[in-house]
Amino acid sequence: AEYFRDEEGQDVLLFIDNIFRFTQAGSEVSALLGRMPSAVGYQPNLATEMGELQERITTTKKGSITSIQAIYVPADDYTDPAPATTFAHLDATTNLDRKIMEQGIYPAVDPLASTSRILDPRVIGEEHYHVARTVQGILQRYRELQDIIAILGIDELSEEDKLTVSRARKIQKFFSQPFFVAEQFTGLKGKYVPIADTVRGFKEIAEGKHDEIPEQAFFMVGGIEEALEKARKMQEEAA
């Protein structure tokens, strides 16, 4: 990657699968060299080694390297030194969650755990930023209410919280995407949706414009118009 950037003057896209292997190899070499291990048995210079690698992935006057890295999280422990050291160097993270996968929502991305430095109104615009934060707020409130729902049931919630739960579930379903590469698995044709349409769809759900639409209508659709069309067909079939 450095050769293509520095010698050929190209912009390089570098995939690393899996960055944990780099940490694991360093740990094994460190043990063979007889170094005293640090926390959880990792090499004592883990942070230094990771920093030296990640800082090579950068932009120069001749070109750039953009890296997409898969990160294995041992025992789902995000405080483990290996993933924690890696996360410190990333501009954005996409967190895949087993609980979301178990709901059949693909891609199983957790929008509350995922982060991005460009989620800034100066970069993506005021509307996109405001909608993203509103959606996160609704999902966070839903997560807080789940324990109450599990113990007392949804009927014990206030009307406002019931509305929040309903919108959160629709948002979760709307996060599912019919990918082109997954057509043979889902049986659904892949859809391309512009960012502006996606933002508008989430904004309308968050504002309550589609409170009367069943949440299943938002599952595995493209834009909000397709969800409304799906809801209409569901209503006709039920009639």
C-alpha atoms as a PDB file:
ATOM      1  CA  ALA A   1       0.000   0.000   0.000  1.00  0.00           C
ATOM      2  CA  GLU A   2       2.848   2.380   0.821  1.00  0.00           C
ATOM      3  CA  TYR A   3       4.534   1.554  -2.485  1.00  0.00           C
ATOM      4  CA  PHE A   4       1.437   2.429  -4.521  1.00  0.00           C
ATOM      5  CA  ARG A   5       0.981   5.625  -2.525  1.00  0.00           C
ATOM      6  CA  ASP A   6       4.595   6.837  -2.453  1.00  0.00           C
ATOM      7  CA  GLU A   7       6.025   5.455  -5.698  1.00  0.00           C
ATOM      8  CA  GLU A   8       2.953   5.378  -7.960  1.00  0.00           C
ATOM      9  CA  GLY A   9       1.218   8.418  -6.465  1.00  0.00           C
ATOM     10  CA  GLN A  10      -2.092   6.593  -6.100  1.00  0.00           C
ATOM     11  CA  ASP A  11      -4.902   6.700  -3.561  1.00  0.00           C
ATOM     12  CA  VAL A  12      -5.045   3.250  -1.977  1.00  0.00           C
ATOM     13  CA  LEU A  13      -7.923   1.390  -0.306  1.00  0.00           C
ATOM     14  CA  LEU A  14      -6.443  -1.097   2.171  1.00  0.00           C
ATOM     15  CA  PHE A  15      -8.480  -3.931   3.695  1.00  0.00           C
ATOM     16  CA  ILE A  16      -7.131  -5.548   6.869  1.00  0.00           C
ATOM     17  CA  ASP A  17      -8.809  -8.792   7.913  1.00  0.00           C
ATOM     18  CA  ASN A  18      -8.244  -9.196  10.783  1.00  0.00           C
ATOM     19  CA  ILE A  19      -6.263  -6.567  12.704  1.00  0.00           C
ATOM     20  CA  PHE A  20      -6.464  -8.813  15.797  1.00  0.00           C
ATOM     21  CA  ARG A  21      -4.079 -11.204  14.031  1.00  0.00           C
ATOM     22  CA  PHE A  22      -1.426  -8.485  14.080  1.00  0.00           C
ATOM     23  CA  THR A  23      -1.865  -8.126  17.844  1.00  0.00           C
ATOM     24  CA  GLN A  24      -1.877 -11.893  18.324  1.00  0.00           C
ATOM     25  CA  ALA A  25       1.321 -12.326  16.308  1.00  0.00           C
ATOM     26  CA  GLY A  26       3.013  -9.593  18.333  1.00  0.00           C
ATOM     27  CA  SER A  27       1.944 -11.314  21.535  1.00  0.00           C
ATOM     28  CA  GLU A  28       3.404 -14.650  20.418  1.00  0.00           C
ATOM     29  CA  VAL A  29       6.696 -13.079  19.319  1.00  0.00           C
ATOM     30  CA  SER A  30       6.890 -11.153  22.590  1.00  0.00           C
ATOM     31  CA  ALA A  31       6.458 -14.382  24.556  1.00  0.00           C
ATOM     32  CA  LEU A  32       9.200 -16.104  22.529  1.00  0.00           C
ATOM     33  CA  LEU A  33      11.527 -13.183  23.277  1.00  0.00           C
ATOM     34  CA  GLY A  34      10.870 -13.669  26.983  1.00  0.00           C
ATOM     35  CA  ARG A  35       9.274 -10.281  27.592  1.00  0.00           C
ATOM     36  CA  MET A  36       7.113  -9.785  30.645  1.00  0.00           C
ATOM     37  CA  PRO A  37       3.463  -9.790  29.457  1.00  0.00           C
ATOM     38  CA  SER A  38       1.108  -6.939  30.323  1.00  0.00           C
ATOM     39  CA  ALA A  39      -2.630  -7.109  31.017  1.00  0.00           C
ATOM     40  CA  VAL A  40      -4.442 -10.238  29.747  1.00  0.00           C
ATOM     41  CA  GLY A  41      -1.149 -11.628  28.467  1.00  0.00           C
ATOM     42  CA  TYR A  42      -0.530  -9.144  25.647  1.00  0.00           C
ATOM     43  CA  GLN A  43       2.897  -7.790  24.744  1.00  0.00           C
ATOM     44  CA  PRO A  44       4.053  -4.872  26.933  1.00  0.00           C
ATOM     45  CA  ASN A  45       4.546  -2.627  23.887  1.00  0.00           C
ATOM     46  CA  LEU A  46       1.080  -3.273  22.366  1.00  0.00           C
ATOM     47  CA  ALA A  47       0.124   0.408  22.193  1.00  0.00           C
ATOM     48  CA  THR A  48       3.454   1.328  20.573  1.00  0.00           C
ATOM     49  CA  GLU A  49       3.256  -1.435  17.964  1.00  0.00           C
ATOM     50  CA  MET A  50      -0.343  -0.598  17.076  1.00  0.00           C
ATOM     51  CA  GLY A  51       0.487   3.096  16.845  1.00  0.00           C
ATOM     52  CA  GLU A  52       3.429   2.450  14.516  1.00  0.00           C
ATOM     53  CA  LEU A  53       1.200   0.414  12.193  1.00  0.00           C
ATOM     54  CA  GLN A  54      -1.805   2.744  12.192  1.00  0.00           C
ATOM     55  CA  GLU A  55       0.255   5.891  11.693  1.00  0.00           C
ATOM     56  CA  ARG A  56       1.599   4.472   8.444  1.00  0.00           C
ATOM     57  CA  ILE A  57      -1.977   4.563   7.127  1.00  0.00           C
ATOM     58  CA  THR A  58      -2.049   8.235   6.285  1.00  0.00           C
ATOM     59  CA  THR A  59      -2.213  10.857   3.552  1.00  0.00           C
ATOM     60  CA  THR A  60       0.928  12.347   2.032  1.00  0.00           C
ATOM     61  CA  LYS A  61       1.565  14.882  -0.713  1.00  0.00           C
ATOM     62  CA  LYS A  62       1.821  12.013  -3.201  1.00  0.00           C
ATOM     63  CA  GLY A  63      -1.306  10.044  -2.306  1.00  0.00           C
ATOM     64  CA  SER A  64      -3.356   8.506   0.456  1.00  0.00           C
ATOM     65  CA  ILE A  65      -4.165   5.216   2.160  1.00  0.00           C
ATOM     66  CA  THR A  66      -7.687   4.624   3.415  1.00  0.00           C
ATOM     67  CA  SER A  67      -8.077   1.498   5.535  1.00  0.00           C
ATOM     68  CA  ILE A  68     -11.078  -0.677   6.378  1.00  0.00           C
ATOM     69  CA  GLN A  69     -10.258  -3.019   9.242  1.00  0.00           C
ATOM     70  CA  ALA A  70     -12.162  -5.972  10.667  1.00  0.00           C
ATOM     71  CA  ILE A  71     -11.695  -6.183  14.431  1.00  0.00           C
ATOM     72  CA  TYR A  72     -12.246  -9.356  16.422  1.00  0.00           C
ATOM     73  CA  VAL A  73     -13.425  -8.582  19.950  1.00  0.00           C
ATOM     74  CA  PRO A  74     -12.414 -11.408  22.337  1.00  0.00           C
ATOM     75  CA  ALA A  75     -15.427 -12.619  24.370  1.00  0.00           C
ATOM     76  CA  ASP A  76     -17.309  -9.456  23.272  1.00  0.00           C
ATOM     77  CA  ASP A  77     -15.193  -7.485  25.751  1.00  0.00           C
ATOM     78  CA  TYR A  78     -14.630  -4.015  24.322  1.00  0.00           C
ATOM     79  CA  THR A  79     -12.333  -3.148  27.220  1.00  0.00           C
ATOM     80  CA  ASP A  80      -9.892  -5.868  26.125  1.00  0.00           C
ATOM     81  CA  PRO A  81      -6.538  -4.165  25.353  1.00  0.00           C
ATOM     82  CA  ALA A  82      -6.405  -5.503  21.760  1.00  0.00           C
ATOM     83  CA  PRO A  83      -9.619  -3.917  20.379  1.00  0.00           C
ATOM     84  CA  ALA A  84      -9.426  -0.932  22.756  1.00  0.00           C
ATOM     85  CA  THR A  85      -5.965  -0.014  21.455  1.00  0.00           C
ATOM     86  CA  THR A  86      -7.160  -0.344  17.855  1.00  0.00           C
ATOM     87  CA  PHE A  87     -10.318   1.754  18.320  1.00  0.00           C
ATOM     88  CA  ALA A  88      -8.229   4.694  19.517  1.00  0.00           C
ATOM     89  CA  HIS A  89      -6.797   5.101  16.000  1.00  0.00           C
ATOM     90  CA  LEU A  90      -9.997   4.762  13.935  1.00  0.00           C
ATOM     91  CA  ASP A  91     -11.999   7.606  12.416  1.00  0.00           C
ATOM     92  CA  ALA A  92     -15.211   5.560  12.330  1.00  0.00           C
ATOM     93  CA  THR A  93     -16.435   2.249  13.724  1.00  0.00           C
ATOM     94  CA  THR A  94     -19.330   0.051  12.602  1.00  0.00           C
ATOM     95  CA  ASN A  95     -20.410  -2.220  15.431  1.00  0.00           C
ATOM     96  CA  LEU A  96     -22.135  -5.502  14.529  1.00  0.00           C
ATOM     97  CA  ASP A  97     -24.352  -6.848  17.310  1.00  0.00           C
ATOM     98  CA  ARG A  98     -25.531 -10.417  17.876  1.00  0.00           C
ATOM     99  CA  LYS A  99     -28.826  -9.314  19.457  1.00  0.00           C
ATOM    100  CA  ILE A 100     -29.727  -7.327  16.346  1.00  0.00           C
ATOM    101  CA  MET A 101     -28.740 -10.282  14.168  1.00  0.00           C
ATOM    102  CA  GLU A 102     -31.027 -12.537  16.218  1.00  0.00           C
ATOM    103  CA  GLN A 103     -33.920 -10.225  15.310  1.00  0.00           C
ATOM    104  CA  GLY A 104     -33.222 -10.957  11.641  1.00  0.00           C
ATOM    105  CA  ILE A 105     -32.136  -7.383  10.916  1.00  0.00           C
ATOM    106  CA  TYR A 106     -29.286  -7.215   8.404  1.00  0.00           C
ATOM    107  CA  PRO A 107     -26.822  -5.592   8.390  1.00  0.00           C
ATOM    108  CA  ALA A 108     -26.809  -6.097  12.175  1.00  0.00           C
ATOM    109  CA  VAL A 109     -25.341  -2.668  12.917  1.00  0.00           C
ATOM    110  CA  ASP A 110     -25.774  -1.153  16.374  1.00  0.00           C
ATOM    111  CA  PRO A 111     -26.229   2.596  15.725  1.00  0.00           C
ATOM    112  CA  LEU A 112     -25.661   3.418  19.410  1.00  0.00           C
ATOM    113  CA  ALA A 113     -22.289   1.678  19.643  1.00  0.00           C
ATOM    114  CA  SER A 114     -21.084   2.742  16.173  1.00  0.00           C
ATOM    115  CA  THR A 115     -19.209   6.034  15.883  1.00  0.00           C
ATOM    116  CA  SER A 116     -17.884   8.414  13.246  1.00  0.00           C
ATOM    117  CA  ARG A 117     -15.826  11.586  13.464  1.00  0.00           C
ATOM    118  CA  ILE A 118     -17.653  13.053  10.468  1.00  0.00           C
ATOM    119  CA  LEU A 119     -20.979  12.979  12.327  1.00  0.00           C
ATOM    120  CA  ASP A 120     -20.610  16.716  12.560  1.00  0.00           C
ATOM    121  CA  PRO A 121     -23.002  19.377  11.210  1.00  0.00           C
ATOM    122  CA  ARG A 122     -20.057  21.139   9.551  1.00  0.00           C
ATOM    123  CA  VAL A 123     -19.410  18.018   7.477  1.00  0.00           C
ATOM    124  CA  ILE A 124     -22.761  16.318   6.847  1.00  0.00           C
ATOM    125  CA  GLY A 125     -25.072  19.309   7.273  1.00  0.00           C
ATOM    126  CA  GLU A 126     -27.465  20.419  10.000  1.00  0.00           C
ATOM    127  CA  GLU A 127     -30.445  18.294   8.925  1.00  0.00           C
ATOM    128  CA  HIS A 128     -28.515  15.015   8.606  1.00  0.00           C
ATOM    129  CA  TYR A 129     -26.818  15.612  11.962  1.00  0.00           C
ATOM    130  CA  HIS A 130     -30.056  16.527  13.729  1.00  0.00           C
ATOM    131  CA  VAL A 131     -31.909  13.491  12.336  1.00  0.00           C
ATOM    132  CA  ALA A 132     -29.055  11.144  13.296  1.00  0.00           C
ATOM    133  CA  ARG A 133     -28.979  12.446  16.878  1.00  0.00           C
ATOM    134  CA  THR A 134     -32.775  12.288  17.140  1.00  0.00           C
ATOM    135  CA  VAL A 135     -32.784   8.665  15.973  1.00  0.00           C
ATOM    136  CA  GLN A 136     -30.033   7.799  18.453  1.00  0.00           C
ATOM    137  CA  GLY A 137     -32.023   9.464  21.219  1.00  0.00           C
ATOM    138  CA  ILE A 138     -35.141   7.421  20.420  1.00  0.00           C
ATOM    139  CA  LEU A 139     -33.164   4.171  20.295  1.00  0.00           C
ATOM    140  CA  GLN A 140     -31.379   5.004  23.553  1.00  0.00           C
ATOM    141  CA  ARG A 141     -34.693   5.675  25.308  1.00  0.00           C
ATOM    142  CA  TYR A 142     -36.065   2.377  23.948  1.00  0.00           C
ATOM    143  CA  ARG A 143     -33.034   0.538  25.318  1.00  0.00           C
ATOM    144  CA  GLU A 144     -33.626   2.113  28.741  1.00  0.00           C
ATOM    145  CA  LEU A 145     -37.271   1.000  28.664  1.00  0.00           C
ATOM    146  CA  GLN A 146     -36.575  -2.614  27.705  1.00  0.00           C
ATOM    147  CA  ASP A 147     -36.019  -3.742  31.300  1.00  0.00           C
ATOM    148  CA  ILE A 148     -39.341  -2.210  32.352  1.00  0.00           C
ATOM    149  CA  ILE A 149     -41.087  -3.849  29.390  1.00  0.00           C
ATOM    150  CA  ALA A 150     -39.546  -7.231  30.257  1.00  0.00           C
ATOM    151  CA  ILE A 151     -40.724  -7.036  33.884  1.00  0.00           C
ATOM    152  CA  LEU A 152     -44.042  -5.161  33.762  1.00  0.00           C
ATOM    153  CA  GLY A 153     -45.037  -5.300  30.101  1.00  0.00           C
ATOM    154  CA  ILE A 154     -45.467  -2.542  27.547  1.00  0.00           C
ATOM    155  CA  ASP A 155     -48.973  -1.691  28.816  1.00  0.00           C
ATOM    156  CA  GLU A 156     -47.474  -0.205  31.989  1.00  0.00           C
ATOM    157  CA  LEU A 157     -45.611   2.473  30.046  1.00  0.00           C
ATOM    158  CA  SER A 158     -46.842   6.032  29.637  1.00  0.00           C
ATOM    159  CA  GLU A 159     -48.418   6.997  26.324  1.00  0.00           C
ATOM    160  CA  GLU A 160     -45.299   8.986  25.434  1.00  0.00           C
ATOM    161  CA  ASP A 161     -43.034   6.016  26.110  1.00  0.00           C
ATOM    162  CA  LYS A 162     -45.325   3.691  24.146  1.00  0.00           C
ATOM    163  CA  LEU A 163     -44.978   6.053  21.197  1.00  0.00           C
ATOM    164  CA  THR A 164     -41.196   6.091  21.626  1.00  0.00           C
ATOM    165  CA  VAL A 165     -41.098   2.275  21.646  1.00  0.00           C
ATOM    166  CA  SER A 166     -43.262   2.093  18.523  1.00  0.00           C
ATOM    167  CA  ARG A 167     -41.062   4.548  16.624  1.00  0.00           C
ATOM    168  CA  ALA A 168     -37.871   2.857  17.832  1.00  0.00           C
ATOM    169  CA  ARG A 169     -39.036  -0.512  16.526  1.00  0.00           C
ATOM    170  CA  LYS A 170     -39.903   1.016  13.168  1.00  0.00           C
ATOM    171  CA  ILE A 171     -36.487   2.660  13.046  1.00  0.00           C
ATOM    172  CA  GLN A 172     -34.816  -0.677  13.833  1.00  0.00           C
ATOM    173  CA  LYS A 173     -36.732  -2.362  11.021  1.00  0.00           C
ATOM    174  CA  PHE A 174     -35.927   0.518   8.648  1.00  0.00           C
ATOM    175  CA  PHE A 175     -32.222  -0.033   9.331  1.00  0.00           C
ATOM    176  CA  SER A 176     -32.477  -3.383   7.519  1.00  0.00           C
ATOM    177  CA  GLN A 177     -31.272  -3.195   3.924  1.00  0.00           C
ATOM    178  CA  PRO A 178     -31.935  -5.416   0.897  1.00  0.00           C
ATOM    179  CA  PHE A 179     -28.369  -5.694  -0.431  1.00  0.00           C
ATOM    180  CA  PHE A 180     -27.585  -6.547  -4.039  1.00  0.00           C
ATOM    181  CA  VAL A 181     -24.976  -9.080  -2.845  1.00  0.00           C
ATOM    182  CA  ALA A 182     -27.552 -10.806  -0.618  1.00  0.00           C
ATOM    183  CA  GLU A 183     -30.283 -11.264  -3.234  1.00  0.00           C
ATOM    184  CA  GLN A 184     -29.798 -15.038  -3.404  1.00  0.00           C
ATOM    185  CA  PHE A 185     -30.168 -15.318   0.387  1.00  0.00           C
ATOM    186  CA  THR A 186     -33.070 -12.921   0.984  1.00  0.00           C
ATOM    187  CA  GLY A 187     -34.974 -13.455  -2.247  1.00  0.00           C
ATOM    188  CA  LEU A 188     -35.367  -9.685  -2.426  1.00  0.00           C
ATOM    189  CA  LYS A 189     -34.029  -7.441  -5.153  1.00  0.00           C
ATOM    190  CA  GLY A 190     -31.206  -5.148  -4.014  1.00  0.00           C
ATOM    191  CA  LYS A 191     -32.029  -1.464  -3.606  1.00  0.00           C
ATOM    192  CA  TYR A 192     -29.924   1.685  -3.890  1.00  0.00           C
ATOM    193  CA  VAL A 193     -31.213   4.602  -1.822  1.00  0.00           C
ATOM    194  CA  PRO A 194     -29.611   8.088  -1.934  1.00  0.00           C
ATOM    195  CA  ILE A 195     -28.483   9.496   1.428  1.00  0.00           C
ATOM    196  CA  ALA A 196     -30.963  12.381   1.202  1.00  0.00           C
ATOM    197  CA  ASP A 197     -33.888   9.933   0.858  1.00  0.00           C
ATOM    198  CA  THR A 198     -32.606   7.863   3.789  1.00  0.00           C
ATOM    199  CA  VAL A 199     -32.346  10.941   6.009  1.00  0.00           C
ATOM    200  CA  ARG A 200     -35.838  12.048   4.991  1.00  0.00           C
ATOM    201  CA  GLY A 201     -37.260   8.603   5.770  1.00  0.00           C
ATOM    202  CA  PHE A 202     -35.799   8.495   9.278  1.00  0.00           C
ATOM    203  CA  LYS A 203     -36.878  12.089   9.895  1.00  0.00           C
ATOM    204  CA  GLU A 204     -40.493  11.281   9.023  1.00  0.00           C
ATOM    205  CA  ILE A 205     -40.502   8.214  11.309  1.00  0.00           C
ATOM    206  CA  ALA A 206     -38.944  10.175  14.190  1.00  0.00           C
ATOM    207  CA  GLU A 207     -41.457  13.010  13.772  1.00  0.00           C
ATOM    208  CA  GLY A 208     -44.362  10.558  13.923  1.00  0.00           C
ATOM    209  CA  LYS A 209     -45.645  11.010  10.378  1.00  0.00           C
ATOM    210  CA  HIS A 210     -45.989   7.236  10.008  1.00  0.00           C
ATOM    211  CA  ASP A 211     -47.181   6.254  13.482  1.00  0.00           C
ATOM    212  CA  GLU A 212     -50.181   4.461  11.973  1.00  0.00           C
ATOM    213  CA  ILE A 213     -48.022   2.264   9.710  1.00  0.00           C
ATOM    214  CA  PRO A 214     -47.233  -1.246  11.090  1.00  0.00           C
ATOM    215  CA  GLU A 215     -43.556  -1.757  11.928  1.00  0.00           C
ATOM    216  CA  GLN A 216     -43.268  -4.798   9.652  1.00  0.00           C
ATOM    217  CA  ALA A 217     -43.826  -2.519   6.644  1.00  0.00           C
ATOM    218  CA  PHE A 218     -40.407  -0.950   7.283  1.00  0.00           C
ATOM    219  CA  PHE A 219     -38.550  -4.266   7.187  1.00  0.00           C
ATOM    220  CA  MET A 220     -36.181  -4.907   4.241  1.00  0.00           C
ATOM    221  CA  VAL A 221     -37.330  -2.007   2.080  1.00  0.00           C
ATOM    222  CA  GLY A 222     -35.474   0.733   0.236  1.00  0.00           C
ATOM    223  CA  GLY A 223     -36.855   4.233   0.712  1.00  0.00           C
ATOM    224  CA  ILE A 224     -39.792   5.388   2.811  1.00  0.00           C
ATOM    225  CA  GLU A 225     -42.097   5.338  -0.230  1.00  0.00           C
ATOM    226  CA  GLU A 226     -41.541   1.599  -0.576  1.00  0.00           C
ATOM    227  CA  ALA A 227     -42.426   1.130   3.093  1.00  0.00           C
ATOM    228  CA  LEU A 228     -45.697   3.015   2.577  1.00  0.00           C
ATOM    229  CA  GLU A 229     -46.484   0.918  -0.496  1.00  0.00           C
ATOM    230  CA  LYS A 230     -45.748  -2.261   1.462  1.00  0.00           C
ATOM    231  CA  ALA A 231     -48.081  -1.088   4.235  1.00  0.00           C
ATOM    232  CA  ARG A 232     -50.848  -0.448   1.699  1.00  0.00           C
ATOM    233  CA  LYS A 233     -50.476  -3.976   0.291  1.00  0.00           C
ATOM    234  CA  MET A 234     -50.514  -5.452   3.799  1.00  0.00           C
ATOM    235  CA  GLN A 235     -53.739  -3.591   4.509  1.00  0.00           C
ATOM    236  CA  GLU A 236     -55.341  -4.850   1.291  1.00  0.00           C
ATOM    237  CA  GLU A 237     -54.357  -8.435   2.082  1.00  0.00           C
ATOM    238  CA  ALA A 238     -55.797  -8.159   5.578  1.00  0.00           C
ATOM    239  CA  ALA A 239     -59.090  -6.713   4.299  1.00  0.00           C
END
